[in-house]
């Protein structure tokens, strides 16, 4: 079992940062839009792993107080179980993509849901879409 962390980053126009994967998913499906994140390392806290992944993938710095939105179980065949923690976060800095992604966009939830997005990201956005605005 592994733990993954993901960041749902929102700008002041209520758009969310989506990243386009450079490679196909492990299940062989096409390249999809996703949100920043990845697996935490041994001995790393979830918050430290989240900050590292955001910085590595986007060049942005995590601001304090990420809010846990969702916990998902991802089973890759019978060999791998990933527990994915998705946080609503604030970040700052200049966006600069890593080699893991080929493009980025800011999208409203409805636009994101209408695009070719990762199914676990879709589930999170659908959940956020049902919540009243804060």
C-alpha atoms as a PDB file:
ATOM      1  CA  UNK A   1       0.000   0.000   0.000  1.00  0.00           C
ATOM      2  CA  UNK A   2       1.152   3.518  -0.821  1.00  0.00           C
ATOM      3  CA  UNK A   3      -0.174   6.983   0.011  1.00  0.00           C
ATOM      4  CA  UNK A   4      -0.642   9.635  -2.649  1.00  0.00           C
ATOM      5  CA  UNK A   5      -1.465  13.302  -2.164  1.00  0.00           C
ATOM      6  CA  UNK A   6      -3.203  15.597  -4.657  1.00  0.00           C
ATOM      7  CA  UNK A   7      -3.786  19.352  -4.675  1.00  0.00           C
ATOM      8  CA  UNK A   8      -6.910  21.097  -5.862  1.00  0.00           C
ATOM      9  CA  UNK A   9      -5.642  24.648  -6.402  1.00  0.00           C
ATOM     10  CA  UNK A  10      -8.229  27.373  -7.053  1.00  0.00           C
ATOM     11  CA  UNK A  11      -7.563  30.883  -8.372  1.00  0.00           C
ATOM     12  CA  UNK A  12      -9.575  34.030  -7.603  1.00  0.00           C
ATOM     13  CA  UNK A  13     -11.833  33.439 -10.651  1.00  0.00           C
ATOM     14  CA  UNK A  14     -13.020  30.132  -9.106  1.00  0.00           C
ATOM     15  CA  UNK A  15     -11.050  28.121 -11.671  1.00  0.00           C
ATOM     16  CA  UNK A  16      -8.998  25.056 -10.816  1.00  0.00           C
ATOM     17  CA  UNK A  17      -5.493  24.237 -12.029  1.00  0.00           C
ATOM     18  CA  UNK A  18      -5.419  21.221 -14.340  1.00  0.00           C
ATOM     19  CA  UNK A  19      -2.252  19.620 -15.693  1.00  0.00           C
ATOM     20  CA  UNK A  20      -2.068  17.480 -18.817  1.00  0.00           C
ATOM     21  CA  UNK A  21      -0.106  14.275 -18.290  1.00  0.00           C
ATOM     22  CA  UNK A  22       2.869  13.629 -20.545  1.00  0.00           C
ATOM     23  CA  UNK A  23       2.412   9.842 -20.395  1.00  0.00           C
ATOM     24  CA  UNK A  24      -0.482   7.417 -20.446  1.00  0.00           C
ATOM     25  CA  UNK A  25      -1.932   6.110 -17.211  1.00  0.00           C
ATOM     26  CA  UNK A  26      -0.823   2.768 -15.799  1.00  0.00           C
ATOM     27  CA  UNK A  27      -4.009   1.180 -17.133  1.00  0.00           C
ATOM     28  CA  UNK A  28      -2.987   2.188 -20.677  1.00  0.00           C
ATOM     29  CA  UNK A  29      -5.771   4.718 -21.191  1.00  0.00           C
ATOM     30  CA  UNK A  30      -5.111   7.953 -23.043  1.00  0.00           C
ATOM     31  CA  UNK A  31      -3.406  11.053 -21.752  1.00  0.00           C
ATOM     32  CA  UNK A  32      -5.684  12.899 -19.371  1.00  0.00           C
ATOM     33  CA  UNK A  33      -5.939  16.125 -17.411  1.00  0.00           C
ATOM     34  CA  UNK A  34      -5.151  15.786 -13.718  1.00  0.00           C
ATOM     35  CA  UNK A  35      -4.273  17.892 -10.684  1.00  0.00           C
ATOM     36  CA  UNK A  36      -0.815  18.239  -9.083  1.00  0.00           C
ATOM     37  CA  UNK A  37       0.360  15.513  -6.752  1.00  0.00           C
ATOM     38  CA  UNK A  38       2.015  12.164  -6.334  1.00  0.00           C
ATOM     39  CA  UNK A  39       3.157   9.584  -3.813  1.00  0.00           C
ATOM     40  CA  UNK A  40       4.670  10.524  -0.478  1.00  0.00           C
ATOM     41  CA  UNK A  41       8.116   9.192   0.393  1.00  0.00           C
ATOM     42  CA  UNK A  42       9.030   7.044   3.405  1.00  0.00           C
ATOM     43  CA  UNK A  43       9.339   9.219   6.505  1.00  0.00           C
ATOM     44  CA  UNK A  44       7.655  12.193   4.798  1.00  0.00           C
ATOM     45  CA  UNK A  45       4.506  13.741   6.254  1.00  0.00           C
ATOM     46  CA  UNK A  46       1.491  14.134   3.990  1.00  0.00           C
ATOM     47  CA  UNK A  47       1.802  17.933   4.128  1.00  0.00           C
ATOM     48  CA  UNK A  48       5.522  17.826   3.295  1.00  0.00           C
ATOM     49  CA  UNK A  49       4.834  15.420   0.438  1.00  0.00           C
ATOM     50  CA  UNK A  50       2.041  17.648  -0.844  1.00  0.00           C
ATOM     51  CA  UNK A  51       4.322  20.715  -0.754  1.00  0.00           C
ATOM     52  CA  UNK A  52       7.113  18.804  -2.536  1.00  0.00           C
ATOM     53  CA  UNK A  53       4.823  17.459  -5.261  1.00  0.00           C
ATOM     54  CA  UNK A  54       3.248  20.880  -5.916  1.00  0.00           C
ATOM     55  CA  UNK A  55       6.694  22.483  -6.159  1.00  0.00           C
ATOM     56  CA  UNK A  56       8.113  19.719  -8.386  1.00  0.00           C
ATOM     57  CA  UNK A  57       5.174  19.669 -10.791  1.00  0.00           C
ATOM     58  CA  UNK A  58       4.206  23.352 -10.923  1.00  0.00           C
ATOM     59  CA  UNK A  59       6.947  25.469  -9.354  1.00  0.00           C
ATOM     60  CA  UNK A  60       4.323  26.823  -6.926  1.00  0.00           C
ATOM     61  CA  UNK A  61       4.735  27.026  -3.158  1.00  0.00           C
ATOM     62  CA  UNK A  62       2.108  25.526  -0.860  1.00  0.00           C
ATOM     63  CA  UNK A  63       0.601  28.046   1.546  1.00  0.00           C
ATOM     64  CA  UNK A  64      -0.425  26.971   5.079  1.00  0.00           C
ATOM     65  CA  UNK A  65      -3.587  25.095   6.019  1.00  0.00           C
ATOM     66  CA  UNK A  66      -4.468  22.617   3.270  1.00  0.00           C
ATOM     67  CA  UNK A  67      -8.002  21.250   3.725  1.00  0.00           C
ATOM     68  CA  UNK A  68      -8.614  17.518   3.221  1.00  0.00           C
ATOM     69  CA  UNK A  69     -11.467  17.091   0.714  1.00  0.00           C
ATOM     70  CA  UNK A  70     -11.518  13.409  -0.070  1.00  0.00           C
ATOM     71  CA  UNK A  71      -9.904  10.035   0.590  1.00  0.00           C
ATOM     72  CA  UNK A  72     -10.003   7.512  -2.268  1.00  0.00           C
ATOM     73  CA  UNK A  73      -8.855   3.913  -2.621  1.00  0.00           C
ATOM     74  CA  UNK A  74      -7.155   3.189  -5.936  1.00  0.00           C
ATOM     75  CA  UNK A  75      -6.442  -0.415  -6.810  1.00  0.00           C
ATOM     76  CA  UNK A  76      -3.979  -1.043  -9.637  1.00  0.00           C
ATOM     77  CA  UNK A  77      -4.523  -4.690 -10.457  1.00  0.00           C
ATOM     78  CA  UNK A  78      -4.193  -6.970  -7.454  1.00  0.00           C
ATOM     79  CA  UNK A  79      -0.668  -5.818  -6.607  1.00  0.00           C
ATOM     80  CA  UNK A  80      -1.013  -2.142  -5.647  1.00  0.00           C
ATOM     81  CA  UNK A  81      -3.351  -0.236  -3.339  1.00  0.00           C
ATOM     82  CA  UNK A  82      -2.913   3.547  -3.271  1.00  0.00           C
ATOM     83  CA  UNK A  83      -4.743   5.660  -0.713  1.00  0.00           C
ATOM     84  CA  UNK A  84      -5.197   9.050  -2.380  1.00  0.00           C
ATOM     85  CA  UNK A  85      -5.694  12.129  -0.199  1.00  0.00           C
ATOM     86  CA  UNK A  86      -6.941  15.180  -2.104  1.00  0.00           C
ATOM     87  CA  UNK A  87      -6.573  18.580  -0.466  1.00  0.00           C
ATOM     88  CA  UNK A  88      -7.944  22.033  -1.281  1.00  0.00           C
ATOM     89  CA  UNK A  89      -4.868  24.231  -1.102  1.00  0.00           C
ATOM     90  CA  UNK A  90      -3.658  27.741  -1.735  1.00  0.00           C
ATOM     91  CA  UNK A  91      -0.364  28.185  -3.544  1.00  0.00           C
ATOM     92  CA  UNK A  92       1.749  31.074  -4.726  1.00  0.00           C
ATOM     93  CA  UNK A  93       4.499  31.722  -7.240  1.00  0.00           C
ATOM     94  CA  UNK A  94       5.170  31.485 -10.960  1.00  0.00           C
ATOM     95  CA  UNK A  95       3.754  28.413 -12.699  1.00  0.00           C
ATOM     96  CA  UNK A  96       6.438  26.257 -14.318  1.00  0.00           C
ATOM     97  CA  UNK A  97       5.612  22.722 -15.461  1.00  0.00           C
ATOM     98  CA  UNK A  98       7.796  19.693 -14.858  1.00  0.00           C
ATOM     99  CA  UNK A  99       8.574  17.084 -17.527  1.00  0.00           C
ATOM    100  CA  UNK A 100       5.651  15.001 -16.196  1.00  0.00           C
ATOM    101  CA  UNK A 101       3.158  17.371 -17.853  1.00  0.00           C
ATOM    102  CA  UNK A 102       2.835  18.935 -21.293  1.00  0.00           C
ATOM    103  CA  UNK A 103       0.247  21.654 -20.678  1.00  0.00           C
ATOM    104  CA  UNK A 104      -1.822  23.392 -18.021  1.00  0.00           C
ATOM    105  CA  UNK A 105      -5.059  25.336 -17.795  1.00  0.00           C
ATOM    106  CA  UNK A 106      -7.301  27.062 -15.300  1.00  0.00           C
ATOM    107  CA  UNK A 107     -10.837  25.662 -15.671  1.00  0.00           C
ATOM    108  CA  UNK A 108     -14.210  26.158 -14.060  1.00  0.00           C
ATOM    109  CA  UNK A 109     -15.633  22.946 -12.588  1.00  0.00           C
ATOM    110  CA  UNK A 110     -18.163  22.472 -15.398  1.00  0.00           C
ATOM    111  CA  UNK A 111     -15.439  22.920 -18.039  1.00  0.00           C
ATOM    112  CA  UNK A 112     -13.127  20.531 -16.202  1.00  0.00           C
ATOM    113  CA  UNK A 113     -15.887  17.942 -15.887  1.00  0.00           C
ATOM    114  CA  UNK A 114     -16.506  18.246 -19.630  1.00  0.00           C
ATOM    115  CA  UNK A 115     -12.886  17.442 -20.463  1.00  0.00           C
ATOM    116  CA  UNK A 116     -10.859  14.227 -20.523  1.00  0.00           C
ATOM    117  CA  UNK A 117      -9.884  14.187 -16.839  1.00  0.00           C
ATOM    118  CA  UNK A 118      -8.541  11.504 -14.559  1.00  0.00           C
ATOM    119  CA  UNK A 119     -11.515   9.557 -13.091  1.00  0.00           C
ATOM    120  CA  UNK A 120     -10.406  10.137  -9.486  1.00  0.00           C
ATOM    121  CA  UNK A 121     -10.038  13.870 -10.134  1.00  0.00           C
ATOM    122  CA  UNK A 122     -13.497  13.814 -11.748  1.00  0.00           C
ATOM    123  CA  UNK A 123     -14.956  12.222  -8.601  1.00  0.00           C
ATOM    124  CA  UNK A 124     -13.377  14.930  -6.426  1.00  0.00           C
ATOM    125  CA  UNK A 125     -14.601  17.763  -8.661  1.00  0.00           C
ATOM    126  CA  UNK A 126     -18.114  16.296  -8.678  1.00  0.00           C
ATOM    127  CA  UNK A 127     -18.024  16.230  -4.872  1.00  0.00           C
ATOM    128  CA  UNK A 128     -16.786  19.847  -4.695  1.00  0.00           C
ATOM    129  CA  UNK A 129     -19.475  20.872  -7.201  1.00  0.00           C
ATOM    130  CA  UNK A 130     -22.180  19.615  -4.799  1.00  0.00           C
ATOM    131  CA  UNK A 131     -20.893  21.669  -1.858  1.00  0.00           C
ATOM    132  CA  UNK A 132     -22.208  25.182  -1.252  1.00  0.00           C
ATOM    133  CA  UNK A 133     -19.686  27.970  -1.956  1.00  0.00           C
ATOM    134  CA  UNK A 134     -17.808  29.107   1.141  1.00  0.00           C
END
